[in-house]
Protein backbone atom coordinates (compact mmCIF):
# COMPACT_ATOMS: atom_id res chain seq x y z
CA MET A 1 0.05 0.23 -0.02
CA GLU A 2 3.08 2.60 0.53
CA ILE A 3 3.67 2.39 -3.14
CA ILE A 4 0.86 3.58 -3.80
CA GLY A 5 0.94 6.36 -1.30
CA ILE A 6 4.33 7.26 -2.99
CA THR A 7 2.91 6.93 -6.21
CA ALA A 8 0.08 9.35 -5.83
CA GLY A 9 2.51 12.16 -3.91
CA LEU A 10 5.18 11.80 -6.48
CA LEU A 11 2.24 12.27 -9.53
CA THR A 12 0.71 15.11 -7.33
CA LEU A 13 4.04 16.77 -6.57
CA LEU A 14 4.86 16.41 -10.16
CA THR A 15 1.73 18.47 -11.46
CA TYR A 16 3.12 21.24 -9.65
CA VAL A 17 6.82 21.33 -11.16
CA PRO A 18 5.96 22.82 -14.39
CA GLN A 19 4.17 25.55 -13.21
CA ALA A 20 6.87 26.57 -10.62
CA PHE A 21 9.67 25.90 -12.97
CA LYS A 22 7.48 28.54 -15.52
CA THR A 23 6.47 30.89 -13.31
CA ILE A 24 10.29 31.02 -11.39
CA LYS A 25 11.66 31.94 -14.99
CA THR A 26 9.17 34.50 -16.46
CA GLN A 27 7.48 35.73 -13.83
CA GLN A 28 4.27 35.95 -15.15
CA THR A 29 1.12 35.35 -13.11
CA ARG A 30 -1.56 36.96 -14.27
CA ASP A 31 -3.06 34.59 -15.43
CA LEU A 32 -2.86 32.10 -12.12
CA SER A 33 -5.56 32.25 -10.12
CA LEU A 34 -4.70 33.84 -6.34
CA VAL A 35 -7.56 31.82 -4.66
CA THR A 36 -6.51 28.40 -5.74
CA LEU A 37 -3.03 28.62 -5.52
CA LEU A 38 -4.40 29.84 -1.53
CA PHE A 39 -6.33 26.74 -1.57
CA LEU A 40 -3.92 24.17 -2.67
CA SER A 41 -1.17 26.16 -0.42
CA ALA A 42 -3.91 25.47 2.79
CA GLY A 43 -4.80 21.63 1.59
CA ALA A 44 -0.68 21.01 1.27
CA PHE A 45 -0.05 22.40 4.53
CA PHE A 46 -2.58 20.63 6.26
CA TRP A 47 -1.39 17.42 4.60
CA VAL A 48 1.55 17.49 5.41
CA ILE A 49 0.50 18.28 9.52
CA TYR A 50 -1.98 14.60 8.68
CA GLY A 51 1.19 12.93 7.71
CA LEU A 52 3.32 14.05 10.22
CA THR A 53 0.68 12.66 13.07
CA GLY A 54 -0.15 9.71 10.99
CA LYS A 55 3.51 8.84 10.41
CA LEU A 56 3.11 8.87 7.22
CA PRO A 57 5.79 9.53 5.54
CA ALA A 58 4.42 9.40 1.39
CA VAL A 59 2.18 12.09 2.51
CA TRP A 60 4.52 14.55 4.87
CA ILE A 61 7.26 14.41 2.05
CA THR A 62 5.83 15.09 -0.87
CA ASN A 63 3.41 17.61 0.50
CA ILE A 64 5.94 19.75 1.93
CA VAL A 65 7.54 19.84 -2.08
CA VAL A 66 4.51 20.41 -2.84
CA LEU A 67 3.59 23.26 -0.44
CA ALA A 68 7.22 24.88 -0.95
CA LEU A 69 6.43 25.27 -4.86
CA GLY A 70 3.14 26.28 -4.26
CA LEU A 71 4.54 29.09 -1.87
CA ILE A 72 6.95 29.85 -4.72
CA ILE A 73 4.11 30.58 -7.16
CA LEU A 74 2.30 32.34 -4.63
CA VAL A 75 4.96 34.78 -3.39
CA ILE A 76 5.98 35.51 -7.01
CA LYS A 77 1.73 36.00 -7.71
CA LEU A 78 1.36 38.50 -5.00
CA LYS A 79 4.92 40.45 -5.84
CA ASN A 80 3.32 40.99 -9.03
CA GLY A 81 0.05 42.04 -7.39
CA ARG A 82 2.23 44.98 -6.17
CA LYS A 83 3.48 46.23 -9.25
């Protein structure tokens, strides 16, 4: 069962990698929804907490990376909104 959790976490994680790299490279966030980024980051945060309290490394490890990528995109979005 752990392999299913690891696979699911990696696939979820991989969905954020291209967007994060593109956002870092271009600094363009106009078409990204602030609400979606907030919800995704909050969801990843709570998955980390859930994974840590449940001692589920497949959950907390992948979601720490998802959270980091989401926060990078969110910070760039917020920074661009102030221009």
